[in-house]
N, C-alpha and C. Protein backbone atom coordinates (compact mmCIF):
# COMPACT_ATOMS: atom_id res chain seq x y z
N MET A 1 6.88 16.46 4.00
CA MET A 1 5.89 17.49 3.76
C MET A 1 5.33 17.91 5.02
N ALA A 2 5.19 19.21 5.23
CA ALA A 2 4.62 19.74 6.44
C ALA A 2 3.13 19.44 6.68
N LYS A 3 2.76 19.26 7.94
CA LYS A 3 1.45 18.89 8.19
C LYS A 3 0.36 19.99 7.83
N ASN A 4 0.84 21.23 7.90
CA ASN A 4 -0.07 22.35 7.68
C ASN A 4 0.08 22.93 6.24
N TYR A 5 0.57 22.12 5.31
CA TYR A 5 0.73 22.59 3.90
C TYR A 5 -0.60 22.69 3.19
N GLU A 6 -0.91 23.81 2.46
CA GLU A 6 -2.01 23.89 1.65
C GLU A 6 -1.49 24.33 0.23
N SER A 7 -2.10 23.63 -0.71
CA SER A 7 -1.62 23.94 -2.09
C SER A 7 -2.20 25.32 -2.54
N GLU A 8 -1.66 25.84 -3.53
CA GLU A 8 -2.12 27.19 -4.04
C GLU A 8 -3.55 27.17 -4.55
N ILE A 9 -4.01 26.00 -5.01
CA ILE A 9 -5.36 25.86 -5.44
C ILE A 9 -6.23 25.99 -4.24
N THR A 10 -5.96 25.15 -3.15
CA THR A 10 -6.79 25.14 -1.96
C THR A 10 -6.78 26.62 -1.36
N GLN A 11 -5.69 27.27 -1.33
CA GLN A 11 -5.68 28.59 -0.85
C GLN A 11 -6.55 29.62 -1.69
N PHE A 12 -6.57 29.42 -2.93
CA PHE A 12 -7.32 30.22 -3.92
C PHE A 12 -8.82 29.91 -3.69
N ILE A 13 -9.18 28.70 -3.56
CA ILE A 13 -10.58 28.31 -3.35
C ILE A 13 -11.12 28.90 -2.05
N LYS A 14 -10.34 28.78 -0.96
CA LYS A 14 -10.74 29.31 0.31
C LYS A 14 -10.93 30.81 0.29
N LYS A 15 -9.97 31.43 -0.38
CA LYS A 15 -10.04 32.97 -0.53
C LYS A 15 -11.25 33.39 -1.35
N TYR A 16 -11.47 32.65 -2.37
CA TYR A 16 -12.66 32.88 -3.34
C TYR A 16 -13.89 32.79 -2.58
N LYS A 17 -14.04 31.69 -1.79
CA LYS A 17 -15.32 31.44 -1.04
C LYS A 17 -15.49 32.45 0.05
N ALA A 18 -14.36 32.94 0.65
CA ALA A 18 -14.46 34.04 1.63
C ALA A 18 -14.99 35.24 0.96
N GLU A 19 -14.54 35.50 -0.26
CA GLU A 19 -14.89 36.78 -0.89
C GLU A 19 -16.23 36.72 -1.53
N HIS A 20 -16.64 35.52 -1.91
CA HIS A 20 -17.96 35.30 -2.62
C HIS A 20 -18.75 34.17 -1.78
N PRO A 21 -19.39 34.70 -0.68
CA PRO A 21 -20.09 33.65 0.19
C PRO A 21 -21.30 32.99 -0.44
N ASP A 22 -21.82 33.47 -1.61
CA ASP A 22 -23.00 32.78 -2.23
C ASP A 22 -22.49 31.76 -3.24
N THR A 23 -21.25 31.45 -3.28
CA THR A 23 -20.76 30.50 -4.31
C THR A 23 -21.45 29.16 -4.24
N GLU A 24 -21.49 28.55 -2.91
CA GLU A 24 -22.11 27.25 -2.74
C GLU A 24 -23.50 27.20 -3.07
N ALA A 25 -24.25 28.23 -2.76
CA ALA A 25 -25.68 28.22 -3.08
C ALA A 25 -25.90 28.34 -4.56
N ARG A 26 -25.01 29.08 -5.35
CA ARG A 26 -25.16 29.17 -6.73
C ARG A 26 -24.83 27.80 -7.43
N GLN A 27 -23.83 27.11 -6.83
CA GLN A 27 -23.44 25.79 -7.29
C GLN A 27 -24.63 24.81 -7.11
N ARG A 28 -25.28 24.81 -5.97
CA ARG A 28 -26.38 23.89 -5.72
C ARG A 28 -27.54 24.27 -6.70
N GLU A 29 -27.76 25.53 -6.93
CA GLU A 29 -28.82 25.96 -7.90
C GLU A 29 -28.48 25.45 -9.33
N GLY A 30 -27.31 25.55 -9.71
CA GLY A 30 -26.86 25.04 -11.01
C GLY A 30 -26.97 23.56 -11.11
N ARG A 31 -26.65 22.90 -10.07
CA ARG A 31 -26.79 21.37 -10.14
C ARG A 31 -28.26 21.04 -10.20
N SER A 32 -29.14 21.63 -9.40
CA SER A 32 -30.55 21.29 -9.48
C SER A 32 -31.15 21.61 -10.85
N ARG A 33 -30.67 22.68 -11.41
CA ARG A 33 -31.14 22.98 -12.84
C ARG A 33 -30.78 22.00 -13.83
N LEU A 34 -29.52 21.47 -13.71
CA LEU A 34 -29.04 20.58 -14.79
C LEU A 34 -29.20 19.08 -14.54
N TRP A 35 -29.08 18.71 -13.22
CA TRP A 35 -29.01 17.24 -12.94
C TRP A 35 -30.10 16.70 -12.08
N ASP A 36 -30.64 17.44 -11.12
CA ASP A 36 -31.62 16.90 -10.26
C ASP A 36 -32.97 16.99 -10.80
N LYS A 37 -33.30 16.09 -11.76
CA LYS A 37 -34.58 16.15 -12.45
C LYS A 37 -35.43 14.91 -12.14
N GLN A 38 -36.68 15.05 -12.16
CA GLN A 38 -37.65 13.90 -11.98
C GLN A 38 -37.69 13.13 -13.32
N ILE A 39 -37.54 11.85 -13.21
CA ILE A 39 -37.56 10.95 -14.41
C ILE A 39 -38.90 10.33 -14.55
N ASP A 40 -39.46 10.44 -15.76
CA ASP A 40 -40.72 9.86 -16.10
C ASP A 40 -40.47 8.39 -16.38
N PRO A 41 -41.03 7.42 -15.55
CA PRO A 41 -40.82 6.01 -15.78
C PRO A 41 -41.32 5.52 -17.18
N GLU A 42 -42.43 6.16 -17.64
CA GLU A 42 -43.01 5.72 -18.88
C GLU A 42 -42.03 6.08 -20.08
N CYS A 43 -41.46 7.20 -20.05
CA CYS A 43 -40.48 7.67 -21.05
C CYS A 43 -39.29 6.78 -20.95
N GLN A 44 -38.80 6.49 -19.78
CA GLN A 44 -37.59 5.67 -19.64
C GLN A 44 -37.82 4.30 -20.19
N GLU A 45 -39.01 3.75 -20.09
CA GLU A 45 -39.32 2.42 -20.58
C GLU A 45 -39.24 2.49 -22.13
N GLY A 46 -39.69 3.57 -22.73
CA GLY A 46 -39.74 3.69 -24.14
C GLY A 46 -38.37 3.84 -24.65
N TYR A 47 -37.53 4.59 -23.92
CA TYR A 47 -36.07 4.73 -24.38
C TYR A 47 -35.38 3.38 -24.31
N ARG A 48 -35.60 2.57 -23.29
CA ARG A 48 -35.06 1.26 -23.20
C ARG A 48 -35.49 0.38 -24.36
N ALA A 49 -36.76 0.37 -24.63
CA ALA A 49 -37.25 -0.41 -25.72
C ALA A 49 -36.72 -0.07 -27.04
N ALA A 50 -36.47 1.25 -27.32
CA ALA A 50 -35.94 1.66 -28.61
C ALA A 50 -34.48 1.58 -28.76
N ARG A 51 -33.79 1.13 -27.72
CA ARG A 51 -32.34 1.00 -27.76
C ARG A 51 -31.95 -0.14 -28.76
N VAL A 52 -30.91 0.19 -29.59
CA VAL A 52 -30.36 -0.74 -30.64
C VAL A 52 -29.03 -1.34 -30.00
N PRO A 53 -28.90 -2.68 -30.02
CA PRO A 53 -27.70 -3.23 -29.51
C PRO A 53 -26.44 -2.74 -30.26
N GLN A 54 -25.40 -2.44 -29.59
CA GLN A 54 -24.17 -1.95 -30.23
C GLN A 54 -23.28 -3.22 -30.53
N LYS A 55 -22.66 -3.22 -31.73
CA LYS A 55 -21.74 -4.21 -32.09
C LYS A 55 -20.41 -4.18 -31.27
N PRO A 56 -19.72 -5.18 -31.09
CA PRO A 56 -18.47 -5.25 -30.28
C PRO A 56 -17.45 -4.21 -30.75
N TYR A 57 -17.32 -4.09 -32.05
CA TYR A 57 -16.33 -3.14 -32.58
C TYR A 57 -17.11 -2.17 -33.39
N VAL A 58 -17.41 -0.91 -32.98
CA VAL A 58 -18.28 -0.04 -33.67
C VAL A 58 -17.77 0.57 -34.98
N TYR A 59 -16.41 0.55 -35.18
CA TYR A 59 -15.78 1.02 -36.38
C TYR A 59 -15.71 0.12 -37.48
N GLN A 60 -15.99 -1.13 -37.21
CA GLN A 60 -15.89 -2.14 -38.34
C GLN A 60 -17.07 -2.05 -39.30
N THR A 61 -16.69 -2.03 -40.59
CA THR A 61 -17.72 -1.95 -41.60
C THR A 61 -18.11 -3.37 -42.04
N ASP A 62 -19.37 -3.60 -42.26
CA ASP A 62 -19.82 -4.89 -42.69
C ASP A 62 -19.95 -5.07 -44.15
């Protein structure tokens, strides 16, 4: 394989980012909206306390 080989996907991404320079900023904005959240420790403790232990084989009927 040649040292300077770039896949079609890599070429597409580079071309897309060159044509749309705001892409990375929009990605960061989307990530912060969905994933980067402050967690309330009090609620987390309540979630842990309410957790029901799962059986080893969940599809087995008793």
